[in-house]
C-alpha atoms as a PDB file:
ATOM      1  CA  MET A   1      13.020  -2.434   0.215  1.00  0.00           C
ATOM      2  CA  ILE A   2      15.136   0.489   1.292  1.00  0.00           C
ATOM      3  CA  GLY A   3      18.695   0.667   0.087  1.00  0.00           C
ATOM      4  CA  SER A   4      21.048   0.706   3.062  1.00  0.00           C
ATOM      5  CA  GLY A   5      23.484   2.875   1.127  1.00  0.00           C
ATOM      6  CA  THR A   6      20.791   5.473   0.453  1.00  0.00           C
ATOM      7  CA  VAL A   7      19.776   5.669   4.109  1.00  0.00           C
ATOM      8  CA  THR A   8      23.394   5.765   5.308  1.00  0.00           C
ATOM      9  CA  SER A   9      24.347   8.594   2.970  1.00  0.00           C
ATOM     10  CA  TYR A  10      21.192  10.455   3.946  1.00  0.00           C
ATOM     11  CA  LEU A  11      21.950  10.079   7.647  1.00  0.00           C
ATOM     12  CA  ILE A  12      25.514  11.305   7.186  1.00  0.00           C
ATOM     13  CA  ARG A  13      24.308  14.297   5.183  1.00  0.00           C
ATOM     14  CA  ARG A  14      21.635  15.194   7.752  1.00  0.00           C
ATOM     15  CA  ILE A  15      24.029  14.868  10.680  1.00  0.00           C
ATOM     16  CA  TRP A  16      26.417  17.279   8.952  1.00  0.00           C
ATOM     17  CA  GLN A  17      23.467  19.658   8.459  1.00  0.00           C
ATOM     18  CA  MET A  18      22.617  19.429  12.160  1.00  0.00           C
ATOM     19  CA  ILE A  19      26.033  20.749  13.189  1.00  0.00           C
ATOM     20  CA  PRO A  20      25.504  24.379  12.032  1.00  0.00           C
ATOM     21  CA  THR A  21      21.979  24.266  13.483  1.00  0.00           C
ATOM     22  CA  LEU A  22      23.365  23.211  16.850  1.00  0.00           C
ATOM     23  CA  LEU A  23      26.033  25.926  16.668  1.00  0.00           C
ATOM     24  CA  GLY A  24      23.277  28.468  16.015  1.00  0.00           C
ATOM     25  CA  VAL A  25      21.317  27.191  19.021  1.00  0.00           C
ATOM     26  CA  ILE A  26      24.429  27.418  21.218  1.00  0.00           C
ATOM     27  CA  LEU A  27      25.069  30.987  20.091  1.00  0.00           C
ATOM     28  CA  LEU A  28      21.428  31.988  20.605  1.00  0.00           C
ATOM     29  CA  ILE A  29      21.283  30.533  24.108  1.00  0.00           C
ATOM     30  CA  PHE A  30      24.574  32.195  25.015  1.00  0.00           C
ATOM     31  CA  VAL A  31      23.360  35.591  23.805  1.00  0.00           C
ATOM     32  CA  LEU A  32      19.997  35.290  25.567  1.00  0.00           C
ATOM     33  CA  PHE A  33      21.506  34.302  28.889  1.00  0.00           C
ATOM     34  CA  THR A  34      24.305  36.877  28.605  1.00  0.00           C
ATOM     35  CA  LEU A  35      22.175  39.853  27.607  1.00  0.00           C
ATOM     36  CA  PHE A  36      18.864  39.170  29.322  1.00  0.00           C
ATOM     37  CA  GLY A  37      19.605  36.706  32.100  1.00  0.00           C
ATOM     38  CA  GLY A  38      20.978  39.164  34.619  1.00  0.00           C
ATOM     39  CA  ASP A  39      24.296  38.933  36.399  1.00  0.00           C
ATOM     40  CA  PRO A  40      24.832  35.335  37.608  1.00  0.00           C
ATOM     41  CA  ALA A  41      27.374  36.496  40.180  1.00  0.00           C
ATOM     42  CA  GLU A  42      24.796  38.766  41.845  1.00  0.00           C
ATOM     43  CA  ILE A  43      22.210  35.971  41.769  1.00  0.00           C
ATOM     44  CA  ILE A  44      24.567  33.512  43.484  1.00  0.00           C
ATOM     45  CA  ALA A  45      25.926  36.017  45.989  1.00  0.00           C
ATOM     46  CA  GLY A  46      22.486  37.139  47.137  1.00  0.00           C
ATOM     47  CA  GLN A  47      21.092  40.541  47.942  1.00  0.00           C
ATOM     48  CA  ASN A  48      23.229  41.141  51.025  1.00  0.00           C
ATOM     49  CA  ALA A  49      26.580  40.409  49.366  1.00  0.00           C
ATOM     50  CA  SER A  50      29.203  43.099  49.043  1.00  0.00           C
ATOM     51  CA  ALA A  51      30.650  44.262  45.747  1.00  0.00           C
ATOM     52  CA  GLN A  52      33.904  42.479  46.539  1.00  0.00           C
ATOM     53  CA  GLN A  53      32.095  39.167  47.087  1.00  0.00           C
ATOM     54  CA  VAL A  54      30.276  39.591  43.786  1.00  0.00           C
ATOM     55  CA  ASP A  55      33.585  40.286  41.994  1.00  0.00           C
ATOM     56  CA  ILE A  56      35.155  37.140  43.488  1.00  0.00           C
ATOM     57  CA  ILE A  57      32.239  34.989  42.302  1.00  0.00           C
ATOM     58  CA  ARG A  58      32.382  36.620  38.883  1.00  0.00           C
ATOM     59  CA  GLN A  59      36.058  35.668  38.598  1.00  0.00           C
ATOM     60  CA  GLN A  60      35.355  32.098  39.723  1.00  0.00           C
ATOM     61  CA  LEU A  61      32.680  31.731  37.013  1.00  0.00           C
ATOM     62  CA  GLY A  62      34.882  33.304  34.367  1.00  0.00           C
ATOM     63  CA  LEU A  63      32.422  36.160  33.844  1.00  0.00           C
ATOM     64  CA  ASP A  64      35.230  38.699  33.976  1.00  0.00           C
ATOM     65  CA  GLN A  65      36.614  37.264  30.738  1.00  0.00           C
ATOM     66  CA  PRO A  66      35.831  38.713  27.272  1.00  0.00           C
ATOM     67  CA  TRP A  67      32.607  37.485  25.672  1.00  0.00           C
ATOM     68  CA  TRP A  68      34.433  35.293  23.142  1.00  0.00           C
ATOM     69  CA  VAL A  69      36.252  33.498  25.955  1.00  0.00           C
ATOM     70  CA  GLN A  70      32.951  32.934  27.775  1.00  0.00           C
ATOM     71  CA  LEU A  71      31.421  31.630  24.540  1.00  0.00           C
ATOM     72  CA  TRP A  72      34.304  29.184  24.103  1.00  0.00           C
ATOM     73  CA  ILE A  73      33.884  27.971  27.686  1.00  0.00           C
ATOM     74  CA  PHE A  74      30.163  27.446  27.045  1.00  0.00           C
ATOM     75  CA  PHE A  75      30.919  25.604  23.803  1.00  0.00           C
ATOM     76  CA  LYS A  76      33.356  23.277  25.597  1.00  0.00           C
ATOM     77  CA  GLU A  77      30.672  22.540  28.200  1.00  0.00           C
ATOM     78  CA  VAL A  78      28.305  21.465  25.429  1.00  0.00           C
ATOM     79  CA  ILE A  79      30.868  19.283  23.663  1.00  0.00           C
ATOM     80  CA  THR A  80      32.260  17.634  26.812  1.00  0.00           C
ATOM     81  CA  PHE A  81      28.872  17.332  28.587  1.00  0.00           C
ATOM     82  CA  HIS A  82      30.563  18.903  31.604  1.00  0.00           C
ATOM     83  CA  TRP A  83      28.385  21.762  32.781  1.00  0.00           C
ATOM     84  CA  GLY A  84      30.033  22.279  36.119  1.00  0.00           C
ATOM     85  CA  ASP A  85      28.032  22.322  39.328  1.00  0.00           C
ATOM     86  CA  SER A  86      24.535  23.541  40.025  1.00  0.00           C
ATOM     87  CA  TRP A  87      24.629  27.002  41.543  1.00  0.00           C
ATOM     88  CA  ALA A  88      21.875  26.146  43.996  1.00  0.00           C
ATOM     89  CA  THR A  89      22.772  22.633  45.184  1.00  0.00           C
ATOM     90  CA  ARG A  90      26.485  22.418  44.198  1.00  0.00           C
ATOM     91  CA  GLU A  91      25.678  19.057  42.630  1.00  0.00           C
ATOM     92  CA  PRO A  92      27.318  18.307  39.258  1.00  0.00           C
ATOM     93  CA  VAL A  93      24.845  19.041  36.470  1.00  0.00           C
ATOM     94  CA  ALA A  94      25.768  15.807  34.684  1.00  0.00           C
ATOM     95  CA  HIS A  95      24.910  13.868  37.847  1.00  0.00           C
ATOM     96  CA  ILE A  96      21.560  15.657  38.046  1.00  0.00           C
ATOM     97  CA  PHE A  97      20.672  14.490  34.556  1.00  0.00           C
ATOM     98  CA  LEU A  98      21.858  10.927  35.132  1.00  0.00           C
ATOM     99  CA  THR A  99      19.936  10.521  38.383  1.00  0.00           C
ATOM    100  CA  ARG A 100      16.703  12.387  37.466  1.00  0.00           C
ATOM    101  CA  LEU A 101      16.247  11.347  33.848  1.00  0.00           C
ATOM    102  CA  PRO A 102      15.217   7.713  34.616  1.00  0.00           C
ATOM    103  CA  ALA A 103      12.194   8.928  36.605  1.00  0.00           C
ATOM    104  CA  THR A 104      11.182  11.224  33.743  1.00  0.00           C
ATOM    105  CA  LEU A 105      11.465   8.407  31.198  1.00  0.00           C
ATOM    106  CA  THR A 106       9.481   6.096  33.474  1.00  0.00           C
ATOM    107  CA  VAL A 107       6.575   8.517  33.121  1.00  0.00           C
ATOM    108  CA  MET A 108       7.142   9.706  29.560  1.00  0.00           C
ATOM    109  CA  ILE A 109       7.544   6.363  27.759  1.00  0.00           C
ATOM    110  CA  PRO A 110       4.283   4.754  29.015  1.00  0.00           C
ATOM    111  CA  LEU A 111       2.453   8.025  28.343  1.00  0.00           C
ATOM    112  CA  PHE A 112       3.722   8.180  24.769  1.00  0.00           C
ATOM    113  CA  LEU A 113       3.056   4.516  23.991  1.00  0.00           C
ATOM    114  CA  LEU A 114      -0.434   4.469  25.513  1.00  0.00           C
ATOM    115  CA  THR A 115      -1.467   7.651  23.729  1.00  0.00           C
ATOM    116  CA  LEU A 116      -0.233   6.319  20.392  1.00  0.00           C
ATOM    117  CA  VAL A 117      -1.691   2.828  20.819  1.00  0.00           C
ATOM    118  CA  LEU A 118      -5.103   4.227  21.758  1.00  0.00           C
ATOM    119  CA  SER A 119      -5.390   7.292  19.514  1.00  0.00           C
ATOM    120  CA  VAL A 120      -4.612   5.641  16.164  1.00  0.00           C
ATOM    121  CA  PRO A 121      -7.122   2.725  16.421  1.00  0.00           C
ATOM    122  CA  ILE A 122      -9.846   4.961  17.876  1.00  0.00           C
ATOM    123  CA  ALA A 123      -9.345   7.585  15.173  1.00  0.00           C
ATOM    124  CA  LEU A 124      -9.316   4.941  12.439  1.00  0.00           C
ATOM    125  CA  GLY A 125     -12.457   3.298  13.825  1.00  0.00           C
ATOM    126  CA  VAL A 126     -14.541   6.477  14.087  1.00  0.00           C
ATOM    127  CA  ALA A 127     -13.334   7.642  10.674  1.00  0.00           C
ATOM    128  CA  TYR A 128     -14.458   4.378   9.131  1.00  0.00           C
ATOM    129  CA  VAL A 129     -17.975   4.800  10.607  1.00  0.00           C
ATOM    130  CA  ARG A 130     -18.151   8.528   9.917  1.00  0.00           C
ATOM    131  CA  GLY A 131     -21.547  10.046  10.668  1.00  0.00           C
ATOM    132  CA  SER A 132     -22.671   7.156  12.866  1.00  0.00           C
ATOM    133  CA  LEU A 133     -23.751   7.474  16.491  1.00  0.00           C
ATOM    134  CA  THR A 134     -20.366   6.134  17.595  1.00  0.00           C
ATOM    135  CA  ASP A 135     -18.581   8.824  15.596  1.00  0.00           C
ATOM    136  CA  ARG A 136     -20.784  11.629  16.936  1.00  0.00           C
ATOM    137  CA  LEU A 137     -20.466  10.475  20.555  1.00  0.00           C
ATOM    138  CA  THR A 138     -16.674  10.162  20.233  1.00  0.00           C
ATOM    139  CA  MET A 139     -16.346  13.641  18.760  1.00  0.00           C
ATOM    140  CA  MET A 140     -18.593  15.024  21.483  1.00  0.00           C
ATOM    141  CA  ALA A 141     -16.472  13.343  24.169  1.00  0.00           C
ATOM    142  CA  THR A 142     -13.235  14.690  22.699  1.00  0.00           C
ATOM    143  CA  THR A 143     -14.707  18.207  22.532  1.00  0.00           C
ATOM    144  CA  VAL A 144     -15.644  18.039  26.205  1.00  0.00           C
ATOM    145  CA  ALA A 145     -12.210  16.638  27.081  1.00  0.00           C
ATOM    146  CA  LEU A 146     -10.498  19.474  25.218  1.00  0.00           C
ATOM    147  CA  SER A 147     -12.510  22.015  27.201  1.00  0.00           C
ATOM    148  CA  ILE A 148     -11.163  20.825  30.558  1.00  0.00           C
ATOM    149  CA  SER A 149      -7.844  22.014  31.924  1.00  0.00           C
ATOM    150  CA  PHE A 150      -5.178  19.507  32.850  1.00  0.00           C
ATOM    151  CA  LEU A 151      -5.176  20.980  36.347  1.00  0.00           C
ATOM    152  CA  VAL A 152      -8.826  19.960  36.729  1.00  0.00           C
ATOM    153  CA  TYR A 153      -7.932  16.403  35.693  1.00  0.00           C
ATOM    154  CA  VAL A 154      -5.159  16.335  38.288  1.00  0.00           C
ATOM    155  CA  ILE A 155      -7.286  17.667  41.145  1.00  0.00           C
ATOM    156  CA  ALA A 156     -10.295  15.476  40.316  1.00  0.00           C
ATOM    157  CA  GLY A 157      -8.123  12.416  39.638  1.00  0.00           C
ATOM    158  CA  GLN A 158      -6.176  12.728  42.874  1.00  0.00           C
ATOM    159  CA  TRP A 159      -9.376  13.231  44.859  1.00  0.00           C
ATOM    160  CA  LEU A 160     -11.282  10.345  43.238  1.00  0.00           C
ATOM    161  CA  PHE A 161      -8.595   7.704  42.699  1.00  0.00           C
ATOM    162  CA  GLY A 162      -6.275   8.750  45.517  1.00  0.00           C
ATOM    163  CA  PHE A 163      -8.389   9.943  48.421  1.00  0.00           C
ATOM    164  CA  LYS A 164     -11.883   8.576  47.735  1.00  0.00           C
ATOM    165  CA  LEU A 165     -11.168   5.157  46.226  1.00  0.00           C
ATOM    166  CA  SER A 166      -7.575   4.764  47.484  1.00  0.00           C
ATOM    167  CA  TRP A 167      -6.581   2.947  44.307  1.00  0.00           C
ATOM    168  CA  PHE A 168      -3.318   4.821  43.780  1.00  0.00           C
ATOM    169  CA  PRO A 169      -1.018   6.967  45.924  1.00  0.00           C
ATOM    170  CA  ILE A 170      -0.878  10.579  44.835  1.00  0.00           C
ATOM    171  CA  GLN A 171       2.756  10.986  45.874  1.00  0.00           C
ATOM    172  CA  GLY A 172       5.805   8.832  46.346  1.00  0.00           C
ATOM    173  CA  TRP A 173       8.558   7.122  44.391  1.00  0.00           C
ATOM    174  CA  SER A 174      10.645   3.990  44.700  1.00  0.00           C
ATOM    175  CA  PRO A 175      14.135   2.917  43.588  1.00  0.00           C
ATOM    176  CA  SER A 176      12.430  -0.035  41.861  1.00  0.00           C
ATOM    177  CA  VAL A 177      11.298   0.678  38.296  1.00  0.00           C
ATOM    178  CA  TRP A 178       8.697  -2.101  38.386  1.00  0.00           C
ATOM    179  CA  LYS A 179       7.164  -0.824  41.605  1.00  0.00           C
ATOM    180  CA  ASN A 180       6.985   2.664  40.134  1.00  0.00           C
ATOM    181  CA  LEU A 181       5.256   1.348  37.011  1.00  0.00           C
ATOM    182  CA  ALA A 182       2.791  -0.662  39.099  1.00  0.00           C
ATOM    183  CA  VAL A 183       2.098   1.793  41.910  1.00  0.00           C
ATOM    184  CA  TYR A 184       3.142   5.400  41.311  1.00  0.00           C
ATOM    185  CA  VAL A 185       3.012   5.856  37.526  1.00  0.00           C
ATOM    186  CA  PRO A 186      -0.522   4.623  36.589  1.00  0.00           C
ATOM    187  CA  LEU A 187      -2.476   7.579  38.000  1.00  0.00           C
ATOM    188  CA  PRO A 188      -0.424  10.454  36.486  1.00  0.00           C
ATOM    189  CA  VAL A 189      -0.084   8.610  33.168  1.00  0.00           C
ATOM    190  CA  MET A 190      -3.815   7.843  33.044  1.00  0.00           C
ATOM    191  CA  LEU A 191      -4.716  11.489  33.647  1.00  0.00           C
ATOM    192  CA  ALA A 192      -2.181  12.684  31.083  1.00  0.00           C
ATOM    193  CA  VAL A 193      -3.540  10.215  28.510  1.00  0.00           C
ATOM    194  CA  PHE A 194      -7.029  11.660  29.026  1.00  0.00           C
ATOM    195  CA  VAL A 195      -5.653  15.088  28.160  1.00  0.00           C
ATOM    196  CA  SER A 196      -3.524  14.127  25.145  1.00  0.00           C
ATOM    197  CA  LEU A 197      -5.896  11.557  23.650  1.00  0.00           C
ATOM    198  CA  ALA A 198      -8.687  13.957  22.675  1.00  0.00           C
ATOM    199  CA  PRO A 199      -6.772  16.284  20.318  1.00  0.00           C
ATOM    200  CA  GLN A 200      -4.895  13.420  18.700  1.00  0.00           C
ATOM    201  CA  VAL A 201      -8.049  11.396  18.029  1.00  0.00           C
ATOM    202  CA  ARG A 202      -9.660  14.393  16.337  1.00  0.00           C
ATOM    203  CA  LEU A 203      -6.548  15.154  14.288  1.00  0.00           C
ATOM    204  CA  TYR A 204      -5.853  11.569  13.237  1.00  0.00           C
ATOM    205  CA  ARG A 205      -9.524  11.091  12.351  1.00  0.00           C
ATOM    206  CA  SER A 206      -9.210  13.964   9.870  1.00  0.00           C
ATOM    207  CA  PHE A 207      -6.108  12.327   8.374  1.00  0.00           C
ATOM    208  CA  PHE A 208      -7.951   9.031   7.904  1.00  0.00           C
ATOM    209  CA  LEU A 209     -11.014  10.760   6.447  1.00  0.00           C
ATOM    210  CA  ASP A 210      -8.814  12.511   3.883  1.00  0.00           C
ATOM    211  CA  GLU A 211      -7.422   9.162   2.772  1.00  0.00           C
ATOM    212  CA  ILE A 212     -10.776   7.347   2.786  1.00  0.00           C
ATOM    213  CA  GLY A 213     -12.151   9.963   0.402  1.00  0.00           C
ATOM    214  CA  GLN A 214      -9.349   9.504  -2.142  1.00  0.00           C
ATOM    215  CA  ASP A 215      -9.924   7.899  -5.541  1.00  0.00           C
ATOM    216  CA  TYR A 216      -7.458   5.090  -4.888  1.00  0.00           C
ATOM    217  CA  VAL A 217      -9.699   3.784  -2.088  1.00  0.00           C
ATOM    218  CA  ARG A 218     -12.670   3.527  -4.431  1.00  0.00           C
ATOM    219  CA  THR A 219     -10.438   1.884  -7.032  1.00  0.00           C
ATOM    220  CA  ALA A 220      -9.179  -0.658  -4.494  1.00  0.00           C
ATOM    221  CA  ARG A 221     -12.741  -1.538  -3.533  1.00  0.00           C
ATOM    222  CA  ALA A 222     -13.736  -1.829  -7.179  1.00  0.00           C
ATOM    223  CA  LYS A 223     -10.906  -4.322  -7.679  1.00  0.00           C
ATOM    224  CA  GLY A 224     -12.472  -6.556  -5.054  1.00  0.00           C
ATOM    225  CA  LEU A 225     -10.106  -5.944  -2.134  1.00  0.00           C
ATOM    226  CA  THR A 226     -11.563  -6.636   1.291  1.00  0.00           C
ATOM    227  CA  GLU A 227     -12.244  -3.776   3.691  1.00  0.00           C
ATOM    228  CA  ARG A 228      -9.440  -5.012   5.918  1.00  0.00           C
ATOM    229  CA  GLN A 229      -6.995  -4.769   3.002  1.00  0.00           C
ATOM    230  CA  VAL A 230      -8.276  -1.333   2.023  1.00  0.00           C
ATOM    231  CA  VAL A 231      -8.055   0.028   5.553  1.00  0.00           C
ATOM    232  CA  PHE A 232      -4.766  -1.453   6.715  1.00  0.00           C
ATOM    233  CA  LYS A 233      -2.831  -1.758   3.462  1.00  0.00           C
ATOM    234  CA  HIS A 234      -3.792   1.554   1.890  1.00  0.00           C
ATOM    235  CA  VAL A 235      -5.576   3.997   4.203  1.00  0.00           C
ATOM    236  CA  LEU A 236      -3.487   3.375   7.321  1.00  0.00           C
ATOM    237  CA  ARG A 237      -0.166   3.364   5.478  1.00  0.00           C
ATOM    238  CA  ASN A 238      -0.828   6.620   3.628  1.00  0.00           C
ATOM    239  CA  ALA A 239      -2.205   8.341   6.728  1.00  0.00           C
ATOM    240  CA  MET A 240       0.893   7.395   8.724  1.00  0.00           C
ATOM    241  CA  ILE A 241       2.932  10.106   6.996  1.00  0.00           C
ATOM    242  CA  PRO A 242       1.053  13.050   8.587  1.00  0.00           C
ATOM    243  CA  ILE A 243       0.659  11.039  11.809  1.00  0.00           C
ATOM    244  CA  LEU A 244       4.438  10.611  12.044  1.00  0.00           C
ATOM    245  CA  THR A 245       4.823  14.334  11.427  1.00  0.00           C
ATOM    246  CA  ASP A 246       2.457  15.086  14.298  1.00  0.00           C
ATOM    247  CA  ILE A 247       4.260  12.647  16.578  1.00  0.00           C
ATOM    248  CA  SER A 248       7.605  14.280  15.814  1.00  0.00           C
ATOM    249  CA  LEU A 249       6.110  17.641  16.768  1.00  0.00           C
ATOM    250  CA  GLN A 250       4.437  16.267  19.894  1.00  0.00           C
ATOM    251  CA  LEU A 251       7.421  14.435  21.392  1.00  0.00           C
ATOM    252  CA  PRO A 252       9.390  17.477  22.615  1.00  0.00           C
ATOM    253  CA  GLY A 253       6.162  18.913  24.014  1.00  0.00           C
ATOM    254  CA  LEU A 254       5.395  15.585  25.641  1.00  0.00           C
ATOM    255  CA  PHE A 255       8.791  15.694  27.318  1.00  0.00           C
ATOM    256  CA  VAL A 256       8.037  19.158  28.680  1.00  0.00           C
ATOM    257  CA  GLY A 257       4.519  18.067  29.668  1.00  0.00           C
ATOM    258  CA  SER A 258       5.949  15.292  31.789  1.00  0.00           C
ATOM    259  CA  PHE A 259       7.704  18.030  33.778  1.00  0.00           C
ATOM    260  CA  LEU A 260       4.331  19.293  35.014  1.00  0.00           C
ATOM    261  CA  ILE A 261       3.273  15.780  35.983  1.00  0.00           C
ATOM    262  CA  GLU A 262       6.400  15.431  38.100  1.00  0.00           C
ATOM    263  CA  VAL A 263       5.579  18.630  39.969  1.00  0.00           C
ATOM    264  CA  PHE A 264       1.932  17.711  40.622  1.00  0.00           C
ATOM    265  CA  PHE A 265       2.788  14.187  41.802  1.00  0.00           C
ATOM    266  CA  SER A 266       6.160  14.940  43.466  1.00  0.00           C
ATOM    267  CA  ILE A 267       8.067  12.636  41.142  1.00  0.00           C
ATOM    268  CA  PRO A 268      11.838  13.164  41.524  1.00  0.00           C
ATOM    269  CA  GLY A 269      12.459  13.532  37.821  1.00  0.00           C
ATOM    270  CA  LEU A 270      14.292  15.969  35.610  1.00  0.00           C
ATOM    271  CA  GLY A 271      11.238  18.177  35.121  1.00  0.00           C
ATOM    272  CA  ARG A 272      10.855  19.025  38.761  1.00  0.00           C
ATOM    273  CA  GLU A 273      14.580  19.765  38.931  1.00  0.00           C
ATOM    274  CA  VAL A 274      14.352  22.105  35.935  1.00  0.00           C
ATOM    275  CA  LEU A 275      11.422  24.040  37.397  1.00  0.00           C
ATOM    276  CA  LEU A 276      13.309  24.398  40.668  1.00  0.00           C
ATOM    277  CA  ALA A 277      16.318  25.603  38.669  1.00  0.00           C
ATOM    278  CA  VAL A 278      14.167  28.249  36.973  1.00  0.00           C
ATOM    279  CA  ASN A 279      12.902  29.490  40.343  1.00  0.00           C
ATOM    280  CA  ARG A 280      16.471  29.606  41.668  1.00  0.00           C
ATOM    281  CA  SER A 281      17.973  31.126  38.477  1.00  0.00           C
ATOM    282  CA  ASP A 282      20.248  28.088  38.316  1.00  0.00           C
ATOM    283  CA  TYR A 283      21.713  28.823  34.858  1.00  0.00           C
ATOM    284  CA  PRO A 284      23.907  25.705  34.375  1.00  0.00           C
ATOM    285  CA  VAL A 285      20.900  23.390  34.765  1.00  0.00           C
ATOM    286  CA  ILE A 286      18.673  25.566  32.564  1.00  0.00           C
ATOM    287  CA  GLN A 287      21.287  25.899  29.826  1.00  0.00           C
ATOM    288  CA  ALA A 288      22.020  22.172  29.773  1.00  0.00           C
ATOM    289  CA  THR A 289      18.309  21.353  29.563  1.00  0.00           C
ATOM    290  CA  THR A 290      17.786  23.813  26.721  1.00  0.00           C
ATOM    291  CA  ILE A 291      20.675  22.377  24.709  1.00  0.00           C
ATOM    292  CA  TYR A 292      19.608  18.779  25.288  1.00  0.00           C
ATOM    293  CA  LEU A 293      16.020  19.533  24.268  1.00  0.00           C
ATOM    294  CA  ALA A 294      17.291  21.161  21.072  1.00  0.00           C
ATOM    295  CA  VAL A 295      19.428  18.106  20.258  1.00  0.00           C
ATOM    296  CA  PHE A 296      16.517  15.804  21.152  1.00  0.00           C
ATOM    297  CA  THR A 297      14.244  17.700  18.757  1.00  0.00           C
ATOM    298  CA  MET A 298      16.757  17.486  15.918  1.00  0.00           C
ATOM    299  CA  VAL A 299      17.259  13.745  16.451  1.00  0.00           C
ATOM    300  CA  ILE A 300      13.490  13.162  16.486  1.00  0.00           C
ATOM    301  CA  ASN A 301      13.131  15.052  13.199  1.00  0.00           C
ATOM    302  CA  LEU A 302      15.901  12.955  11.669  1.00  0.00           C
ATOM    303  CA  LEU A 303      14.346   9.666  12.801  1.00  0.00           C
ATOM    304  CA  THR A 304      10.945  10.804  11.532  1.00  0.00           C
ATOM    305  CA  ASP A 305      12.323  11.389   8.046  1.00  0.00           C
ATOM    306  CA  VAL A 306      13.774   7.877   8.039  1.00  0.00           C
ATOM    307  CA  LEU A 307      10.443   6.445   9.224  1.00  0.00           C
ATOM    308  CA  TYR A 308       8.741   8.188   6.303  1.00  0.00           C
ATOM    309  CA  LYS A 309      10.809   6.001   4.013  1.00  0.00           C
ATOM    310  CA  LEU A 310      10.045   2.863   6.030  1.00  0.00           C
ATOM    311  CA  VAL A 311       6.303   3.517   5.943  1.00  0.00           C
ATOM    312  CA  ASP A 312       6.181   4.561   2.292  1.00  0.00           C
ATOM    313  CA  PRO A 313       9.136   3.533   0.061  1.00  0.00           C
ATOM    314  CA  ARG A 314       7.983   6.104  -2.500  1.00  0.00           C
ATOM    315  CA  VAL A 315       9.191   8.910  -0.259  1.00  0.00           C
ATOM    316  CA  VAL A 316      12.442  10.406  -1.527  1.00  0.00           C
ATOM    317  CA  LEU A 317      15.050  11.216   1.116  1.00  0.00           C
ATOM    318  CA  LYS A 318      16.574  14.592   0.367  1.00  0.00           C
END
């Protein structure tokens, strides 16, 4: 069992440690956008604007203030979650996140769960029958899958399942979550699973093979434990530590990967909005997304450390 006091004190300590990290991220983003992002006033005003119009916009944005004042304004935006309005659409940035994030999660959550549910059992199964025909065919299939670009999957999948077979629409979205999950989400999620499954099966297989070759597995078998007990009680539990590490590293990338899916399938999610913001140099949207992704990554790392303890009580939380 895990002591609740130990976990609570660890969480408090880690949250305090996240504060200076977040401050460093805020400072880095501010410096990058200030020094290398160009003049926002000129971007908003357009190429045909006069110098006076640019100066008026610069005053409205507070860009005529000293850098420490601008940094304080940016810091308050992060703390209050009030990023102002989008420069391109004049829509509040907070409203953009609230209205677009559900569509992104509708794609991301099934993709994550399906990839995890499929990759771990497949990797464990082929590792257990290492060297067999099943193992060789699976590794061959994953190698081929890794050699194909995601764009090829999208084009071929839309042509086959959308145009040829008419099983799924290739575009569209509904206010109903259940209709989206039943009609619009299956095709992009299925194609994305094909892409993400191959590398994870190969990686997790190596984790399981490392554990199967350990002395404790031979000792457990010598003690008369069944193969089910050896595999699920020992091999799977010990291999979950590196698997959790990989998942924690994959999640932020998975979030970004869902952005591409939204563009290819015209899903009105946060990813498509961010890519449009990049094309329009819409700094408030880009800055908010960057900060939120940084916080999301830190939270995922924190939860992963706690899961280490849940999976293996021998792990010491530091």
